[in-house]
PDB file of all heavy atoms in Angstrom:
ATOM      1  N   ASP A   1     100.788  65.566-174.927  1.00  0.00           N
ATOM      2  CA  ASP A   1     101.415  64.263-175.015  1.00  0.00           C
ATOM      3  C   ASP A   1     101.032  63.395-176.202  1.00  0.00           C
ATOM      4  O   ASP A   1     101.735  62.479-176.562  1.00  0.00           O
ATOM      5  CB  ASP A   1     101.237  63.462-173.731  1.00  0.00           C
ATOM      6  CG  ASP A   1     101.951  64.102-172.507  1.00  0.00           C
ATOM      7  OD1 ASP A   1     103.049  64.665-172.704  1.00  0.00           O
ATOM      8  OD2 ASP A   1     101.382  64.048-171.421  1.00  0.00           O
ATOM      9  N   PRO A   2      99.826  63.559-176.748  1.00  0.00           N
ATOM     10  CA  PRO A   2      99.401  62.700-177.845  1.00  0.00           C
ATOM     11  C   PRO A   2     100.395  62.764-179.006  1.00  0.00           C
ATOM     12  O   PRO A   2     100.803  63.859-179.437  1.00  0.00           O
ATOM     13  CB  PRO A   2      98.050  63.217-178.257  1.00  0.00           C
ATOM     14  CG  PRO A   2      97.497  63.873-177.056  1.00  0.00           C
ATOM     15  CD  PRO A   2      98.701  64.469-176.370  1.00  0.00           C
ATOM     16  N   ALA A   3     100.752  61.615-179.530  1.00  0.00           N
ATOM     17  CA  ALA A   3     101.711  61.532-180.633  1.00  0.00           C
ATOM     18  C   ALA A   3     101.838  60.054-180.998  1.00  0.00           C
ATOM     19  O   ALA A   3     101.321  59.189-180.303  1.00  0.00           O
ATOM     20  CB  ALA A   3     103.079  62.087-180.196  1.00  0.00           C
ATOM     21  N   VAL A   4     102.585  59.826-182.058  1.00  0.00           N
ATOM     22  CA  VAL A   4     103.086  58.484-182.296  1.00  0.00           C
ATOM     23  C   VAL A   4     104.384  58.319-181.552  1.00  0.00           C
ATOM     24  O   VAL A   4     105.290  59.130-181.712  1.00  0.00           O
ATOM     25  CB  VAL A   4     103.302  58.194-183.815  1.00  0.00           C
ATOM     26  CG1 VAL A   4     103.907  56.865-184.039  1.00  0.00           C
ATOM     27  CG2 VAL A   4     101.958  58.309-184.542  1.00  0.00           C
ATOM     28  N   TYR A   5     104.494  57.318-180.730  1.00  0.00           N
ATOM     29  CA  TYR A   5     105.655  57.080-179.927  1.00  0.00           C
ATOM     30  C   TYR A   5     106.497  55.978-180.539  1.00  0.00           C
ATOM     31  O   TYR A   5     105.983  54.970-180.979  1.00  0.00           O
ATOM     32  CB  TYR A   5     105.275  56.720-178.468  1.00  0.00           C
ATOM     33  CG  TYR A   5     104.876  57.862-177.636  1.00  0.00           C
ATOM     34  CD1 TYR A   5     103.709  58.563-177.902  1.00  0.00           C
ATOM     35  CD2 TYR A   5     105.696  58.317-176.609  1.00  0.00           C
ATOM     36  CE1 TYR A   5     103.357  59.656-177.118  1.00  0.00           C
ATOM     37  CE2 TYR A   5     105.367  59.457-175.831  1.00  0.00           C
ATOM     38  CZ  TYR A   5     104.149  60.082-176.119  1.00  0.00           C
ATOM     39  OH  TYR A   5     103.774  61.181-175.349  1.00  0.00           O
ATOM     40  N   TYR A   6     107.803  56.228-180.590  1.00  0.00           N
ATOM     41  CA  TYR A   6     108.741  55.315-181.257  1.00  0.00           C
ATOM     42  C   TYR A   6     109.793  54.836-180.251  1.00  0.00           C
ATOM     43  O   TYR A   6     110.335  55.644-179.477  1.00  0.00           O
ATOM     44  CB  TYR A   6     109.463  55.966-182.404  1.00  0.00           C
ATOM     45  CG  TYR A   6     108.573  56.388-183.538  1.00  0.00           C
ATOM     46  CD1 TYR A   6     107.942  57.612-183.587  1.00  0.00           C
ATOM     47  CD2 TYR A   6     108.330  55.524-184.647  1.00  0.00           C
ATOM     48  CE1 TYR A   6     107.150  57.994-184.627  1.00  0.00           C
ATOM     49  CE2 TYR A   6     107.531  55.872-185.719  1.00  0.00           C
ATOM     50  CZ  TYR A   6     106.952  57.129-185.707  1.00  0.00           C
ATOM     51  OH  TYR A   6     106.145  57.532-186.747  1.00  0.00           O
ATOM     52  N   CYS A   7     110.047  53.587-180.284  1.00  0.00           N
ATOM     53  CA  CYS A   7     111.198  53.023-179.573  1.00  0.00           C
ATOM     54  C   CYS A   7     112.438  53.045-180.499  1.00  0.00           C
ATOM     55  O   CYS A   7     112.249  52.709-181.711  1.00  0.00           O
ATOM     56  CB  CYS A   7     110.854  51.597-179.123  1.00  0.00           C
ATOM     57  SG  CYS A   7     112.232  50.727-178.295  1.00  0.00           S
ATOM     58  N   ALA A   8     113.549  53.443-179.999  1.00  0.00           N
ATOM     59  CA  ALA A   8     114.779  53.516-180.839  1.00  0.00           C
ATOM     60  C   ALA A   8     115.975  52.990-180.059  1.00  0.00           C
ATOM     61  O   ALA A   8     116.042  53.119-178.843  1.00  0.00           O
ATOM     62  CB  ALA A   8     115.005  54.926-181.301  1.00  0.00           C
ATOM     63  N   ALA A   9     116.931  52.466-180.793  1.00  0.00           N
ATOM     64  CA  ALA A   9     118.123  51.847-180.128  1.00  0.00           C
ATOM     65  C   ALA A   9     119.403  52.210-180.895  1.00  0.00           C
ATOM     66  O   ALA A   9     119.372  52.373-182.107  1.00  0.00           O
ATOM     67  CB  ALA A   9     117.982  50.357-180.065  1.00  0.00           C
ATOM     68  N   GLU A  10     120.476  52.337-180.108  1.00  0.00           N
ATOM     69  CA  GLU A  10     121.788  52.570-180.721  1.00  0.00           C
ATOM     70  C   GLU A  10     122.820  51.836-179.806  1.00  0.00           C
ATOM     71  O   GLU A  10     122.776  51.900-178.605  1.00  0.00           O
ATOM     72  CB  GLU A  10     122.105  54.072-180.800  1.00  0.00           C
ATOM     73  CG  GLU A  10     123.415  54.386-181.467  1.00  0.00           C
ATOM     74  CD  GLU A  10     123.487  53.816-182.858  1.00  0.00           C
ATOM     75  OE1 GLU A  10     123.060  54.526-183.832  1.00  0.00           O
ATOM     76  OE2 GLU A  10     123.991  52.698-183.051  1.00  0.00           O
ATOM     77  N   SER A  11     123.800  51.304-180.481  1.00  0.00           N
ATOM     78  CA  SER A  11     124.864  50.574-179.815  1.00  0.00           C
ATOM     79  C   SER A  11     125.685  51.526-178.933  1.00  0.00           C
ATOM     80  O   SER A  11     125.984  52.682-179.300  1.00  0.00           O
ATOM     81  CB  SER A  11     125.795  49.924-180.840  1.00  0.00           C
ATOM     82  OG  SER A  11     126.927  49.363-180.189  1.00  0.00           O
ATOM     83  N   LEU A  12     126.048  51.042-177.774  1.00  0.00           N
ATOM     84  CA  LEU A  12     126.888  51.811-176.876  1.00  0.00           C
ATOM     85  C   LEU A  12     128.197  52.203-177.473  1.00  0.00           C
ATOM     86  O   LEU A  12     128.804  53.232-177.146  1.00  0.00           O
ATOM     87  CB  LEU A  12     127.149  51.001-175.574  1.00  0.00           C
ATOM     88  CG  LEU A  12     126.051  50.997-174.504  1.00  0.00           C
ATOM     89  CD1 LEU A  12     126.408  50.022-173.421  1.00  0.00           C
ATOM     90  CD2 LEU A  12     125.803  52.396-173.937  1.00  0.00           C
ATOM     91  N   THR A  13     128.685  51.389-178.442  1.00  0.00           N
ATOM     92  CA  THR A  13     129.922  51.677-179.075  1.00  0.00           C
ATOM     93  C   THR A  13     129.888  52.966-179.884  1.00  0.00           C
ATOM     94  O   THR A  13     130.923  53.515-180.248  1.00  0.00           O
ATOM     95  CB  THR A  13     130.394  50.522-179.967  1.00  0.00           C
ATOM     96  OG1 THR A  13     129.455  50.323-181.028  1.00  0.00           O
ATOM     97  CG2 THR A  13     130.465  49.191-179.183  1.00  0.00           C
ATOM     98  N   LEU A  14     128.694  53.402-180.231  1.00  0.00           N
ATOM     99  CA  LEU A  14     128.546  54.641-181.048  1.00  0.00           C
ATOM    100  C   LEU A  14     128.052  55.812-180.205  1.00  0.00           C
ATOM    101  O   LEU A  14     127.759  56.859-180.759  1.00  0.00           O
ATOM    102  CB  LEU A  14     127.599  54.351-182.188  1.00  0.00           C
ATOM    103  CG  LEU A  14     128.023  53.288-183.154  1.00  0.00           C
ATOM    104  CD1 LEU A  14     127.005  53.064-184.265  1.00  0.00           C
ATOM    105  CD2 LEU A  14     129.346  53.628-183.776  1.00  0.00           C
ATOM    106  N   VAL A  15     127.903  55.629-178.909  1.00  0.00           N
ATOM    107  CA  VAL A  15     127.490  56.659-178.011  1.00  0.00           C
ATOM    108  C   VAL A  15     128.688  57.369-177.418  1.00  0.00           C
ATOM    109  O   VAL A  15     129.593  56.721-176.873  1.00  0.00           O
ATOM    110  CB  VAL A  15     126.558  56.120-176.900  1.00  0.00           C
ATOM    111  CG1 VAL A  15     126.176  57.247-175.908  1.00  0.00           C
ATOM    112  CG2 VAL A  15     125.284  55.512-177.541  1.00  0.00           C
ATOM    113  N   ASP A  16     128.698  58.727-177.452  1.00  0.00           N
ATOM    114  CA  ASP A  16     129.824  59.444-176.914  1.00  0.00           C
ATOM    115  C   ASP A  16     130.034  59.128-175.413  1.00  0.00           C
ATOM    116  O   ASP A  16     129.096  59.026-174.652  1.00  0.00           O
ATOM    117  CB  ASP A  16     129.591  60.930-177.089  1.00  0.00           C
ATOM    118  CG  ASP A  16     129.683  61.400-178.512  1.00  0.00           C
ATOM    119  OD1 ASP A  16     130.262  60.641-179.357  1.00  0.00           O
ATOM    120  OD2 ASP A  16     129.217  62.526-178.805  1.00  0.00           O
ATOM    121  N   TYR A  17     131.303  59.050-175.069  1.00  0.00           N
ATOM    122  CA  TYR A  17     131.635  58.865-173.681  1.00  0.00           C
ATOM    123  C   TYR A  17     131.055  59.933-172.785  1.00  0.00           C
ATOM    124  O   TYR A  17     131.149  61.114-173.129  1.00  0.00           O
ATOM    125  CB  TYR A  17     133.155  58.759-173.513  1.00  0.00           C
ATOM    126  CG  TYR A  17     133.602  58.506-172.082  1.00  0.00           C
ATOM    127  CD1 TYR A  17     133.622  57.266-171.577  1.00  0.00           C
ATOM    128  CD2 TYR A  17     133.999  59.579-171.298  1.00  0.00           C
ATOM    129  CE1 TYR A  17     134.036  57.020-170.252  1.00  0.00           C
ATOM    130  CE2 TYR A  17     134.435  59.382-169.986  1.00  0.00           C
ATOM    131  CZ  TYR A  17     134.437  58.091-169.480  1.00  0.00           C
ATOM    132  OH  TYR A  17     134.861  57.868-168.161  1.00  0.00           O
ATOM    133  N   GLY A  18     130.513  59.534-171.664  1.00  0.00           N
ATOM    134  CA  GLY A  18     129.975  60.513-170.726  1.00  0.00           C
ATOM    135  C   GLY A  18     128.492  60.854-170.983  1.00  0.00           C
ATOM    136  O   GLY A  18     127.888  61.558-170.136  1.00  0.00           O
ATOM    137  N   HIS A  19     127.933  60.443-172.072  1.00  0.00           N
ATOM    138  CA  HIS A  19     126.532  60.693-172.341  1.00  0.00           C
ATOM    139  C   HIS A  19     125.677  59.525-171.962  1.00  0.00           C
ATOM    140  O   HIS A  19     126.047  58.341-172.145  1.00  0.00           O
ATOM    141  CB  HIS A  19     126.353  60.923-173.861  1.00  0.00           C
ATOM    142  CG  HIS A  19     126.856  62.271-174.326  1.00  0.00           C
ATOM    143  ND1 HIS A  19     128.153  62.696-174.161  1.00  0.00           N
ATOM    144  CD2 HIS A  19     126.207  63.278-174.944  1.00  0.00           C
ATOM    145  CE1 HIS A  19     128.282  63.875-174.644  1.00  0.00           C
ATOM    146  NE2 HIS A  19     127.106  64.281-175.177  1.00  0.00           N
ATOM    147  N   ILE A  20     124.540  59.792-171.369  1.00  0.00           N
ATOM    148  CA  ILE A  20     123.573  58.730-171.088  1.00  0.00           C
ATOM    149  C   ILE A  20     123.040  58.217-172.395  1.00  0.00           C
ATOM    150  O   ILE A  20     123.058  56.987-172.670  1.00  0.00           O
ATOM    151  CB  ILE A  20     122.427  59.212-170.204  1.00  0.00           C
ATOM    152  CG1 ILE A  20     122.979  59.651-168.858  1.00  0.00           C
ATOM    153  CG2 ILE A  20     121.371  58.148-170.052  1.00  0.00           C
ATOM    154  CD1 ILE A  20     121.954  60.328-167.985  1.00  0.00           C
ATOM    155  N   CYS A  21     122.551  59.101-173.242  1.00  0.00           N
ATOM    156  CA  CYS A  21     122.006  58.734-174.538  1.00  0.00           C
ATOM    157  C   CYS A  21     122.202  59.901-175.497  1.00  0.00           C
ATOM    158  O   CYS A  21     122.289  61.051-175.055  1.00  0.00           O
ATOM    159  CB  CYS A  21     120.508  58.493-174.455  1.00  0.00           C
ATOM    160  SG  CYS A  21     120.004  57.100-173.463  1.00  0.00           S
ATOM    161  N   PRO A  22     122.313  59.599-176.775  1.00  0.00           N
ATOM    162  CA  PRO A  22     122.191  60.686-177.743  1.00  0.00           C
ATOM    163  C   PRO A  22     120.787  61.175-177.779  1.00  0.00           C
ATOM    164  O   PRO A  22     119.822  60.482-177.378  1.00  0.00           O
ATOM    165  CB  PRO A  22     122.596  60.054-179.067  1.00  0.00           C
ATOM    166  CG  PRO A  22     122.250  58.595-178.896  1.00  0.00           C
ATOM    167  CD  PRO A  22     122.493  58.305-177.425  1.00  0.00           C
ATOM    168  N   HIS A  23     120.585  62.451-178.206  1.00  0.00           N
ATOM    169  CA  HIS A  23     119.253  63.053-178.227  1.00  0.00           C
ATOM    170  C   HIS A  23     118.732  63.306-179.617  1.00  0.00           C
ATOM    171  O   HIS A  23     117.535  63.620-179.767  1.00  0.00           O
ATOM    172  CB  HIS A  23     119.285  64.333-177.425  1.00  0.00           C
ATOM    173  CG  HIS A  23     119.725  64.119-175.992  1.00  0.00           C
ATOM    174  ND1 HIS A  23     119.206  63.189-175.167  1.00  0.00           N
ATOM    175  CD2 HIS A  23     120.682  64.792-175.263  1.00  0.00           C
ATOM    176  CE1 HIS A  23     119.768  63.267-174.000  1.00  0.00           C
ATOM    177  NE2 HIS A  23     120.661  64.222-174.008  1.00  0.00           N
ATOM    178  N   ARG A  24     119.586  63.181-180.596  1.00  0.00           N
ATOM    179  CA  ARG A  24     119.138  63.412-181.983  1.00  0.00           C
ATOM    180  C   ARG A  24     118.542  62.139-182.596  1.00  0.00           C
ATOM    181  O   ARG A  24     119.056  61.045-182.394  1.00  0.00           O
ATOM    182  CB  ARG A  24     120.301  63.892-182.862  1.00  0.00           C
ATOM    183  CG  ARG A  24     120.904  65.235-182.421  1.00  0.00           C
ATOM    184  CD  ARG A  24     122.202  65.501-183.215  1.00  0.00           C
ATOM    185  NE  ARG A  24     123.132  64.448-183.049  1.00  0.00           N
ATOM    186  CZ  ARG A  24     124.197  64.190-183.811  1.00  0.00           C
ATOM    187  NH1 ARG A  24     124.385  64.972-184.857  1.00  0.00           N
ATOM    188  NH2 ARG A  24     125.044  63.238-183.551  1.00  0.00           N
ATOM    189  N   THR A  25     117.521  62.371-183.346  1.00  0.00           N
ATOM    190  CA  THR A  25     116.899  61.233-184.112  1.00  0.00           C
ATOM    191  C   THR A  25     117.899  60.500-184.913  1.00  0.00           C
ATOM    192  O   THR A  25     117.955  59.294-185.017  1.00  0.00           O
ATOM    193  CB  THR A  25     115.772  61.757-184.972  1.00  0.00           C
ATOM    194  OG1 THR A  25     114.759  62.352-184.120  1.00  0.00           O
ATOM    195  CG2 THR A  25     115.146  60.611-185.755  1.00  0.00           C
ATOM    196  N   SER A  26     118.836  61.292-185.595  1.00  0.00           N
ATOM    197  CA  SER A  26     119.786  60.706-186.527  1.00  0.00           C
ATOM    198  C   SER A  26     120.836  59.882-185.845  1.00  0.00           C
ATOM    199  O   SER A  26     121.543  59.117-186.488  1.00  0.00           O
ATOM    200  CB  SER A  26     120.437  61.839-187.314  1.00  0.00           C
ATOM    201  OG  SER A  26     121.155  62.749-186.428  1.00  0.00           O
ATOM    202  N   ALA A  27     120.950  59.999-184.516  1.00  0.00           N
ATOM    203  CA  ALA A  27     121.928  59.241-183.833  1.00  0.00           C
ATOM    204  C   ALA A  27     121.489  57.794-183.505  1.00  0.00           C
ATOM    205  O   ALA A  27     122.291  56.976-183.036  1.00  0.00           O
ATOM    206  CB  ALA A  27     122.260  59.916-182.484  1.00  0.00           C
ATOM    207  N   PHE A  28     120.228  57.492-183.707  1.00  0.00           N
ATOM    208  CA  PHE A  28     119.678  56.190-183.487  1.00  0.00           C
ATOM    209  C   PHE A  28     119.526  55.408-184.751  1.00  0.00           C
ATOM    210  O   PHE A  28     118.891  55.906-185.711  1.00  0.00           O
ATOM    211  CB  PHE A  28     118.373  56.258-182.753  1.00  0.00           C
ATOM    212  CG  PHE A  28     118.474  56.661-181.298  1.00  0.00           C
ATOM    213  CD1 PHE A  28     118.687  58.012-180.948  1.00  0.00           C
ATOM    214  CD2 PHE A  28     118.448  55.715-180.272  1.00  0.00           C
ATOM    215  CE1 PHE A  28     118.808  58.342-179.615  1.00  0.00           C
ATOM    216  CE2 PHE A  28     118.587  56.062-178.963  1.00  0.00           C
ATOM    217  CZ  PHE A  28     118.748  57.382-178.621  1.00  0.00           C
ATOM    218  N   SER A  29     120.046  54.235-184.797  1.00  0.00           N
ATOM    219  CA  SER A  29     120.070  53.430-186.048  1.00  0.00           C
ATOM    220  C   SER A  29     118.861  52.526-186.217  1.00  0.00           C
ATOM    221  O   SER A  29     118.511  52.163-187.332  1.00  0.00           O
ATOM    222  CB  SER A  29     121.361  52.544-186.035  1.00  0.00           C
ATOM    223  OG  SER A  29     122.532  53.338-186.061  1.00  0.00           O
ATOM    224  N   TYR A  30     118.236  52.150-185.101  1.00  0.00           N
ATOM    225  CA  TYR A  30     117.134  51.188-185.165  1.00  0.00           C
ATOM    226  C   TYR A  30     115.924  51.716-184.535  1.00  0.00           C
ATOM    227  O   TYR A  30     115.936  52.357-183.468  1.00  0.00           O
ATOM    228  CB  TYR A  30     117.614  49.903-184.473  1.00  0.00           C
ATOM    229  CG  TYR A  30     118.922  49.328-185.001  1.00  0.00           C
ATOM    230  CD1 TYR A  30     120.081  49.602-184.351  1.00  0.00           C
ATOM    231  CD2 TYR A  30     118.910  48.634-186.219  1.00  0.00           C
ATOM    232  CE1 TYR A  30     121.312  49.121-184.813  1.00  0.00           C
ATOM    233  CE2 TYR A  30     120.145  48.191-186.707  1.00  0.00           C
ATOM    234  CZ  TYR A  30     121.312  48.461-186.002  1.00  0.00           C
ATOM    235  OH  TYR A  30     122.527  47.985-186.498  1.00  0.00           O
ATOM    236  N   TRP A  31     114.796  51.483-185.246  1.00  0.00           N
ATOM    237  CA  TRP A  31     113.523  52.066-184.803  1.00  0.00           C
ATOM    238  C   TRP A  31     112.393  51.031-184.900  1.00  0.00           C
ATOM    239  O   TRP A  31     112.347  50.176-185.773  1.00  0.00           O
ATOM    240  CB  TRP A  31     113.160  53.220-185.728  1.00  0.00           C
ATOM    241  CG  TRP A  31     114.089  54.425-185.582  1.00  0.00           C
ATOM    242  CD1 TRP A  31     115.297  54.581-186.209  1.00  0.00           C
ATOM    243  CD2 TRP A  31     113.848  55.573-184.762  1.00  0.00           C
ATOM    244  NE1 TRP A  31     115.869  55.765-185.767  1.00  0.00           N
ATOM    245  CE2 TRP A  31     114.962  56.426-184.959  1.00  0.00           C
ATOM    246  CE3 TRP A  31     112.815  55.968-183.938  1.00  0.00           C
ATOM    247  CZ2 TRP A  31     115.134  57.615-184.250  1.00  0.00           C
ATOM    248  CZ3 TRP A  31     112.954  57.192-183.284  1.00  0.00           C
ATOM    249  CH2 TRP A  31     114.062  58.007-183.471  1.00  0.00           C
ATOM    250  N   GLY A  32     111.470  51.178-183.961  1.00  0.00           N
ATOM    251  CA  GLY A  32     110.255  50.446-184.037  1.00  0.00           C
ATOM    252  C   GLY A  32     109.283  51.097-185.011  1.00  0.00           C
ATOM    253  O   GLY A  32     109.583  52.121-185.622  1.00  0.00           O
ATOM    254  N   GLN A  33     108.140  50.490-185.163  1.00  0.00           N
ATOM    255  CA  GLN A  33     107.171  50.979-186.143  1.00  0.00           C
ATOM    256  C   GLN A  33     106.348  52.167-185.677  1.00  0.00           C
ATOM    257  O   GLN A  33     105.684  52.843-186.465  1.00  0.00           O
ATOM    258  CB  GLN A  33     106.214  49.851-186.580  1.00  0.00           C
ATOM    259  CG  GLN A  33     105.120  49.531-185.555  1.00  0.00           C
ATOM    260  CD  GLN A  33     105.561  48.793-184.328  1.00  0.00           C
ATOM    261  OE1 GLN A  33     106.710  48.388-184.192  1.00  0.00           O
ATOM    262  NE2 GLN A  33     104.616  48.563-183.406  1.00  0.00           N
ATOM    263  N   GLY A  34     106.387  52.442-184.373  1.00  0.00           N
ATOM    264  CA  GLY A  34     105.626  53.509-183.804  1.00  0.00           C
ATOM    265  C   GLY A  34     104.248  53.035-183.293  1.00  0.00           C
ATOM    266  O   GLY A  34     103.660  52.087-183.847  1.00  0.00           O
ATOM    267  N   ILE A  35     103.783  53.658-182.242  1.00  0.00           N
ATOM    268  CA  ILE A  35     102.506  53.322-181.674  1.00  0.00           C
ATOM    269  C   ILE A  35     101.801  54.586-181.259  1.00  0.00           C
ATOM    270  O   ILE A  35     102.379  55.501-180.675  1.00  0.00           O
ATOM    271  CB  ILE A  35     102.669  52.352-180.510  1.00  0.00           C
ATOM    272  CG1 ILE A  35     101.337  51.744-180.020  1.00  0.00           C
ATOM    273  CG2 ILE A  35     103.449  52.965-179.338  1.00  0.00           C
ATOM    274  CD1 ILE A  35     101.453  50.548-179.143  1.00  0.00           C
ATOM    275  N   GLN A  36     100.484  54.653-181.487  1.00  0.00           N
ATOM    276  CA  GLN A  36      99.693  55.823-181.268  1.00  0.00           C
ATOM    277  C   GLN A  36      99.311  55.969-179.802  1.00  0.00           C
ATOM    278  O   GLN A  36      98.841  55.026-179.163  1.00  0.00           O
ATOM    279  CB  GLN A  36      98.434  55.838-182.111  1.00  0.00           C
ATOM    280  CG  GLN A  36      97.564  57.103-181.974  1.00  0.00           C
ATOM    281  CD  GLN A  36      98.193  58.290-182.527  1.00  0.00           C
ATOM    282  OE1 GLN A  36      98.625  58.298-183.678  1.00  0.00           O
ATOM    283  NE2 GLN A  36      98.254  59.379-181.762  1.00  0.00           N
ATOM    284  N   VAL A  37      99.505  57.166-179.259  1.00  0.00           N
ATOM    285  CA  VAL A  37      99.005  57.512-177.967  1.00  0.00           C
ATOM    286  C   VAL A  37      98.057  58.692-178.138  1.00  0.00           C
ATOM    287  O   VAL A  37      98.418  59.730-178.680  1.00  0.00           O
ATOM    288  CB  VAL A  37     100.157  57.859-176.963  1.00  0.00           C
ATOM    289  CG1 VAL A  37      99.556  58.464-175.669  1.00  0.00           C
ATOM    290  CG2 VAL A  37     100.978  56.672-176.652  1.00  0.00           C
ATOM    291  N   THR A  38      96.842  58.554-177.677  1.00  0.00           N
ATOM    292  CA  THR A  38      95.830  59.540-177.827  1.00  0.00           C
ATOM    293  C   THR A  38      95.305  59.952-176.463  1.00  0.00           C
ATOM    294  O   THR A  38      94.999  59.104-175.622  1.00  0.00           O
ATOM    295  CB  THR A  38      94.633  59.063-178.680  1.00  0.00           C
ATOM    296  OG1 THR A  38      95.162  58.670-179.976  1.00  0.00           O
ATOM    297  CG2 THR A  38      93.606  60.166-178.853  1.00  0.00           C
ATOM    298  N   VAL A  39      95.212  61.242-176.236  1.00  0.00           N
ATOM    299  CA  VAL A  39      94.698  61.789-174.995  1.00  0.00           C
ATOM    300  C   VAL A  39      93.463  62.595-175.304  1.00  0.00           C
ATOM    301  O   VAL A  39      93.540  63.592-176.040  1.00  0.00           O
ATOM    302  CB  VAL A  39      95.705  62.626-174.224  1.00  0.00           C
ATOM    303  CG1 VAL A  39      95.130  63.159-172.888  1.00  0.00           C
ATOM    304  CG2 VAL A  39      96.991  61.818-173.936  1.00  0.00           C
ATOM    305  N   SER A  40      92.350  62.163-174.807  1.00  0.00           N
ATOM    306  CA  SER A  40      91.070  62.820-175.166  1.00  0.00           C
ATOM    307  C   SER A  40      90.014  62.616-174.067  1.00  0.00           C
ATOM    308  O   SER A  40      90.000  61.518-173.452  1.00  0.00           O
ATOM    309  CB  SER A  40      90.527  62.223-176.502  1.00  0.00           C
ATOM    310  OG  SER A  40      89.275  62.817-176.836  1.00  0.00           O
ATOM    311  N   PRO A  41      89.211  63.619-173.826  1.00  0.00           N
ATOM    312  CA  PRO A  41      88.121  63.463-172.817  1.00  0.00           C
ATOM    313  C   PRO A  41      87.197  62.362-173.182  1.00  0.00           C
ATOM    314  O   PRO A  41      86.928  62.100-174.383  1.00  0.00           O
ATOM    315  CB  PRO A  41      87.442  64.819-172.819  1.00  0.00           C
ATOM    316  CG  PRO A  41      88.477  65.752-173.391  1.00  0.00           C
ATOM    317  CD  PRO A  41      89.206  64.969-174.394  1.00  0.00           C
TER     318      PRO A  41
END
């Protein structure tokens, strides 16, 4: 699970009908800066 985690957003008007969300990075227009999650003993 460790990684940089990003929040991303896309307008519903650009999401295909019947889909909960797009899954491709390129389908999201807006992104946060990312935040580090580290898992370590």
